[in-house]
Amino acid sequence: MKKLNTKTLAMMAIYCAIFVIFDRISDALNLFKMASGGKLNFGPIALLICSYHLGWKKGALVAITSVFLQLVIGSVSWYGLASFLLDYLIAYSAYGFAQLFKNYGYFYSGVFITSIIRLLSSTLAGTIVWETPLWSSFVYNLSYMIPTTLCAIIVVPLLCERLKPLMERYK
């Protein structure tokens, strides 16, 4: 990663802030929230757009930083190290790598692939931390990941296209 200049650091901080705001909006709207955790979450949209704007290295750094911001502000419900690593650090960090995957028109495959990685990581957390059978954990996590993924698959390409002039200007 090249040396980070002030403009790039500011953009990264803005994406972290947008992530936190979108996460809080998701909590406030309470559109789709599971009883034991998991929700329709708009926060990943900020992480995905960051990856497409600033590249996967900076995107991954923003995603990791955002997880620790969630921890600091108290919006993380974790139950030990395995829970934190699988449900948050690995799951959300995956979004930072979206830029690595090829886009096909308005289908940004990185959005889909990173959402699958998050689903698998959270499913694994359910089997390890909660000792839930694999299939049950998969179905449980799938129930909130489907709406989150669909929202991101629709919104991210639209925002990236609309923000393209700004993204080029502030790269």
C-alpha atoms as a PDB file:
ATOM      1  CA  MET A   1       0.000   0.000   0.000  1.00  0.00           C
ATOM      2  CA  LYS A   2       1.370   3.375  -0.962  1.00  0.00           C
ATOM      3  CA  LYS A   3       1.952   5.977   1.681  1.00  0.00           C
ATOM      4  CA  LEU A   4      -1.388   7.312   2.871  1.00  0.00           C
ATOM      5  CA  ASN A   5      -1.870  11.019   2.328  1.00  0.00           C
ATOM      6  CA  THR A   6      -4.233  13.248   4.263  1.00  0.00           C
ATOM      7  CA  LYS A   7      -6.940  13.119   1.593  1.00  0.00           C
ATOM      8  CA  THR A   8      -6.927   9.317   1.538  1.00  0.00           C
ATOM      9  CA  LEU A   9      -7.002   9.087   5.340  1.00  0.00           C
ATOM     10  CA  ALA A  10      -9.912  11.534   5.398  1.00  0.00           C
ATOM     11  CA  MET A  11     -11.804   9.433   2.819  1.00  0.00           C
ATOM     12  CA  MET A  12     -11.166   6.294   4.854  1.00  0.00           C
ATOM     13  CA  ALA A  13     -12.431   8.025   8.005  1.00  0.00           C
ATOM     14  CA  ILE A  14     -15.543   9.177   6.148  1.00  0.00           C
ATOM     15  CA  TYR A  15     -16.284   5.610   5.032  1.00  0.00           C
ATOM     16  CA  CYS A  16     -15.880   4.398   8.633  1.00  0.00           C
ATOM     17  CA  ALA A  17     -18.286   7.107   9.791  1.00  0.00           C
ATOM     18  CA  ILE A  18     -20.810   6.230   7.070  1.00  0.00           C
ATOM     19  CA  PHE A  19     -20.578   2.583   8.108  1.00  0.00           C
ATOM     20  CA  VAL A  20     -21.388   3.475  11.724  1.00  0.00           C
ATOM     21  CA  ILE A  21     -24.254   5.752  10.650  1.00  0.00           C
ATOM     22  CA  PHE A  22     -25.729   3.097   8.334  1.00  0.00           C
ATOM     23  CA  ASP A  23     -25.371   0.497  11.098  1.00  0.00           C
ATOM     24  CA  ARG A  24     -27.217   2.772  13.535  1.00  0.00           C
ATOM     25  CA  ILE A  25     -29.934   3.487  10.967  1.00  0.00           C
ATOM     26  CA  SER A  26     -30.368  -0.267  10.558  1.00  0.00           C
ATOM     27  CA  ASP A  27     -30.813  -0.583  14.331  1.00  0.00           C
ATOM     28  CA  ALA A  28     -33.242   2.335  14.498  1.00  0.00           C
ATOM     29  CA  LEU A  29     -35.421   1.139  11.612  1.00  0.00           C
ATOM     30  CA  ASN A  30     -35.540  -2.378  13.070  1.00  0.00           C
ATOM     31  CA  LEU A  31     -36.827  -3.666   9.731  1.00  0.00           C
ATOM     32  CA  PHE A  32     -35.583  -7.203  10.049  1.00  0.00           C
ATOM     33  CA  LYS A  33     -33.893  -8.235  13.278  1.00  0.00           C
ATOM     34  CA  MET A  34     -33.358 -11.763  14.512  1.00  0.00           C
ATOM     35  CA  ALA A  35     -33.980 -12.655  18.149  1.00  0.00           C
ATOM     36  CA  SER A  36     -30.438 -13.885  18.824  1.00  0.00           C
ATOM     37  CA  GLY A  37     -28.545 -11.424  16.639  1.00  0.00           C
ATOM     38  CA  GLY A  38     -28.317 -10.697  12.948  1.00  0.00           C
ATOM     39  CA  LYS A  39     -30.272  -8.038  11.120  1.00  0.00           C
ATOM     40  CA  LEU A  40     -30.864  -6.378   7.799  1.00  0.00           C
ATOM     41  CA  ASN A  41     -27.814  -4.152   7.849  1.00  0.00           C
ATOM     42  CA  PHE A  42     -27.020  -1.201   5.610  1.00  0.00           C
ATOM     43  CA  GLY A  43     -23.482  -0.794   7.015  1.00  0.00           C
ATOM     44  CA  PRO A  44     -21.848  -3.150   4.501  1.00  0.00           C
ATOM     45  CA  ILE A  45     -22.893  -0.776   1.706  1.00  0.00           C
ATOM     46  CA  ALA A  46     -20.319   1.753   2.953  1.00  0.00           C
ATOM     47  CA  LEU A  47     -17.602  -0.922   3.147  1.00  0.00           C
ATOM     48  CA  LEU A  48     -18.362  -2.204  -0.341  1.00  0.00           C
ATOM     49  CA  ILE A  49     -18.357   1.263  -1.899  1.00  0.00           C
ATOM     50  CA  CYS A  50     -15.084   2.002  -0.107  1.00  0.00           C
ATOM     51  CA  SER A  51     -13.527  -1.115  -1.628  1.00  0.00           C
ATOM     52  CA  TYR A  52     -14.634  -0.116  -5.118  1.00  0.00           C
ATOM     53  CA  HIS A  53     -13.496   3.470  -4.584  1.00  0.00           C
ATOM     54  CA  LEU A  54     -10.188   3.111  -2.745  1.00  0.00           C
ATOM     55  CA  GLY A  55      -9.181  -0.438  -3.654  1.00  0.00           C
ATOM     56  CA  TRP A  56      -9.126  -3.658  -1.709  1.00  0.00           C
ATOM     57  CA  LYS A  57      -6.181  -2.863   0.585  1.00  0.00           C
ATOM     58  CA  LYS A  58      -7.676   0.361   1.893  1.00  0.00           C
ATOM     59  CA  GLY A  59     -11.130  -1.220   1.776  1.00  0.00           C
ATOM     60  CA  ALA A  60      -9.960  -4.054   4.020  1.00  0.00           C
ATOM     61  CA  LEU A  61      -8.336  -1.579   6.407  1.00  0.00           C
ATOM     62  CA  VAL A  62     -11.562   0.444   6.595  1.00  0.00           C
ATOM     63  CA  ALA A  63     -13.594  -2.732   7.160  1.00  0.00           C
ATOM     64  CA  ILE A  64     -11.332  -3.861  10.008  1.00  0.00           C
ATOM     65  CA  THR A  65     -11.351  -0.376  11.547  1.00  0.00           C
ATOM     66  CA  SER A  66     -15.149  -0.295  11.300  1.00  0.00           C
ATOM     67  CA  VAL A  67     -15.403  -3.541  13.273  1.00  0.00           C
ATOM     68  CA  PHE A  68     -13.349  -2.029  16.066  1.00  0.00           C
ATOM     69  CA  LEU A  69     -15.492   1.121  15.931  1.00  0.00           C
ATOM     70  CA  GLN A  70     -18.548  -1.097  16.422  1.00  0.00           C
ATOM     71  CA  LEU A  71     -16.803  -2.633  19.415  1.00  0.00           C
ATOM     72  CA  VAL A  72     -15.953   0.768  20.920  1.00  0.00           C
ATOM     73  CA  ILE A  73     -19.456   2.213  20.526  1.00  0.00           C
ATOM     74  CA  GLY A  74     -21.049  -0.932  21.919  1.00  0.00           C
ATOM     75  CA  SER A  75     -22.980  -2.251  18.929  1.00  0.00           C
ATOM     76  CA  VAL A  76     -21.183  -5.607  18.964  1.00  0.00           C
ATOM     77  CA  SER A  77     -22.707  -8.578  20.756  1.00  0.00           C
ATOM     78  CA  TRP A  78     -19.928 -11.112  21.029  1.00  0.00           C
ATOM     79  CA  TYR A  79     -19.416 -14.100  23.239  1.00  0.00           C
ATOM     80  CA  GLY A  80     -15.717 -14.809  23.356  1.00  0.00           C
ATOM     81  CA  LEU A  81     -12.851 -14.610  20.910  1.00  0.00           C
ATOM     82  CA  ALA A  82     -14.264 -17.117  18.394  1.00  0.00           C
ATOM     83  CA  SER A  83     -17.523 -15.165  18.252  1.00  0.00           C
ATOM     84  CA  PHE A  84     -15.731 -11.844  17.712  1.00  0.00           C
ATOM     85  CA  LEU A  85     -13.415 -13.245  15.034  1.00  0.00           C
ATOM     86  CA  LEU A  86     -16.059 -15.135  13.062  1.00  0.00           C
ATOM     87  CA  ASP A  87     -19.146 -12.947  13.507  1.00  0.00           C
ATOM     88  CA  TYR A  88     -17.401  -9.606  13.151  1.00  0.00           C
ATOM     89  CA  LEU A  89     -13.734  -9.424  12.210  1.00  0.00           C
ATOM     90  CA  ILE A  90     -13.685 -12.023   9.423  1.00  0.00           C
ATOM     91  CA  ALA A  91     -17.313 -11.513   8.379  1.00  0.00           C
ATOM     92  CA  TYR A  92     -17.141  -7.736   7.935  1.00  0.00           C
ATOM     93  CA  SER A  93     -13.526  -7.614   6.769  1.00  0.00           C
ATOM     94  CA  ALA A  94     -14.532  -9.689   3.748  1.00  0.00           C
ATOM     95  CA  TYR A  95     -16.422  -6.683   2.364  1.00  0.00           C
ATOM     96  CA  GLY A  96     -13.149  -4.811   1.987  1.00  0.00           C
ATOM     97  CA  PHE A  97     -12.034  -7.290  -0.676  1.00  0.00           C
ATOM     98  CA  ALA A  98     -15.027  -6.763  -2.990  1.00  0.00           C
ATOM     99  CA  GLN A  99     -12.974  -4.815  -5.529  1.00  0.00           C
ATOM    100  CA  LEU A 100     -10.904  -7.928  -6.282  1.00  0.00           C
ATOM    101  CA  PHE A 101     -13.821  -9.568  -8.084  1.00  0.00           C
ATOM    102  CA  LYS A 102     -14.886  -8.749 -11.631  1.00  0.00           C
ATOM    103  CA  ASN A 103     -18.035  -6.725 -12.295  1.00  0.00           C
ATOM    104  CA  TYR A 104     -20.441  -7.840 -14.993  1.00  0.00           C
ATOM    105  CA  GLY A 105     -22.318  -4.708 -15.997  1.00  0.00           C
ATOM    106  CA  TYR A 106     -24.458  -3.757 -13.019  1.00  0.00           C
ATOM    107  CA  PHE A 107     -23.819  -7.075 -11.293  1.00  0.00           C
ATOM    108  CA  TYR A 108     -20.935  -6.460  -8.931  1.00  0.00           C
ATOM    109  CA  SER A 109     -19.825 -10.011  -8.187  1.00  0.00           C
ATOM    110  CA  GLY A 110     -17.708  -8.766  -5.262  1.00  0.00           C
ATOM    111  CA  VAL A 111     -20.883  -7.796  -3.409  1.00  0.00           C
ATOM    112  CA  PHE A 112     -22.245 -11.305  -3.811  1.00  0.00           C
ATOM    113  CA  ILE A 113     -18.998 -13.168  -3.068  1.00  0.00           C
ATOM    114  CA  THR A 114     -18.131 -11.145   0.041  1.00  0.00           C
ATOM    115  CA  SER A 115     -21.686 -11.611   1.328  1.00  0.00           C
ATOM    116  CA  ILE A 116     -21.252 -15.370   0.888  1.00  0.00           C
ATOM    117  CA  ILE A 117     -17.989 -15.193   2.862  1.00  0.00           C
ATOM    118  CA  ARG A 118     -19.800 -13.321   5.652  1.00  0.00           C
ATOM    119  CA  LEU A 119     -22.608 -15.898   5.605  1.00  0.00           C
ATOM    120  CA  LEU A 120     -20.130 -18.781   5.863  1.00  0.00           C
ATOM    121  CA  SER A 121     -18.175 -17.092   8.646  1.00  0.00           C
ATOM    122  CA  SER A 122     -21.325 -16.395  10.663  1.00  0.00           C
ATOM    123  CA  THR A 123     -22.584 -19.920  10.037  1.00  0.00           C
ATOM    124  CA  LEU A 124     -19.314 -21.293  11.363  1.00  0.00           C
ATOM    125  CA  ALA A 125     -19.660 -19.049  14.423  1.00  0.00           C
ATOM    126  CA  GLY A 126     -23.105 -20.503  15.053  1.00  0.00           C
ATOM    127  CA  THR A 127     -21.779 -24.045  14.977  1.00  0.00           C
ATOM    128  CA  ILE A 128     -18.696 -23.317  17.111  1.00  0.00           C
ATOM    129  CA  VAL A 129     -19.953 -20.734  19.609  1.00  0.00           C
ATOM    130  CA  TRP A 130     -23.605 -21.742  19.952  1.00  0.00           C
ATOM    131  CA  GLU A 131     -23.080 -25.439  19.145  1.00  0.00           C
ATOM    132  CA  THR A 132     -25.919 -25.221  16.644  1.00  0.00           C
ATOM    133  CA  PRO A 133     -26.110 -27.895  13.957  1.00  0.00           C
ATOM    134  CA  LEU A 134     -24.511 -26.683  10.730  1.00  0.00           C
ATOM    135  CA  TRP A 135     -27.723 -26.689   8.699  1.00  0.00           C
ATOM    136  CA  SER A 136     -29.663 -24.802  11.411  1.00  0.00           C
ATOM    137  CA  SER A 137     -26.932 -22.191  11.715  1.00  0.00           C
ATOM    138  CA  PHE A 138     -26.825 -21.785   7.935  1.00  0.00           C
ATOM    139  CA  VAL A 139     -30.600 -21.272   7.659  1.00  0.00           C
ATOM    140  CA  TYR A 140     -30.643 -18.866  10.607  1.00  0.00           C
ATOM    141  CA  ASN A 141     -27.861 -16.699   9.155  1.00  0.00           C
ATOM    142  CA  LEU A 142     -29.284 -16.951   5.652  1.00  0.00           C
ATOM    143  CA  SER A 143     -32.554 -15.442   6.872  1.00  0.00           C
ATOM    144  CA  TYR A 144     -30.980 -12.020   7.489  1.00  0.00           C
ATOM    145  CA  MET A 145     -28.169 -12.281   4.936  1.00  0.00           C
ATOM    146  CA  ILE A 146     -30.580 -12.644   2.010  1.00  0.00           C
ATOM    147  CA  PRO A 147     -32.186  -9.212   2.559  1.00  0.00           C
ATOM    148  CA  THR A 148     -28.815  -7.621   3.381  1.00  0.00           C
ATOM    149  CA  THR A 149     -27.230  -9.063   0.231  1.00  0.00           C
ATOM    150  CA  LEU A 150     -30.163  -8.158  -2.008  1.00  0.00           C
ATOM    151  CA  CYS A 151     -30.112  -4.605  -0.702  1.00  0.00           C
ATOM    152  CA  ALA A 152     -26.364  -4.325  -1.367  1.00  0.00           C
ATOM    153  CA  ILE A 153     -26.610  -5.949  -4.816  1.00  0.00           C
ATOM    154  CA  ILE A 154     -29.147  -3.290  -5.807  1.00  0.00           C
ATOM    155  CA  VAL A 155     -27.789  -0.212  -4.018  1.00  0.00           C
ATOM    156  CA  VAL A 156     -24.005  -0.545  -4.438  1.00  0.00           C
ATOM    157  CA  PRO A 157     -23.900  -0.519  -8.275  1.00  0.00           C
ATOM    158  CA  LEU A 158     -26.377   2.362  -8.398  1.00  0.00           C
ATOM    159  CA  LEU A 159     -24.388   4.431  -5.915  1.00  0.00           C
ATOM    160  CA  CYS A 160     -21.055   3.575  -7.523  1.00  0.00           C
ATOM    161  CA  GLU A 161     -22.340   4.712 -10.918  1.00  0.00           C
ATOM    162  CA  ARG A 162     -23.798   7.933  -9.509  1.00  0.00           C
ATOM    163  CA  LEU A 163     -20.672   8.651  -7.443  1.00  0.00           C
ATOM    164  CA  LYS A 164     -18.200   7.731 -10.206  1.00  0.00           C
ATOM    165  CA  PRO A 165     -17.250  11.390 -10.985  1.00  0.00           C
ATOM    166  CA  LEU A 166     -16.568  12.046  -7.289  1.00  0.00           C
ATOM    167  CA  MET A 167     -14.758   8.740  -6.846  1.00  0.00           C
ATOM    168  CA  GLU A 168     -12.435   9.545  -9.750  1.00  0.00           C
ATOM    169  CA  ARG A 169     -11.796  12.995  -8.354  1.00  0.00           C
ATOM    170  CA  TYR A 170     -11.028  11.779  -4.825  1.00  0.00           C
ATOM    171  CA  LYS A 171      -8.969   8.684  -5.498  1.00  0.00           C
END
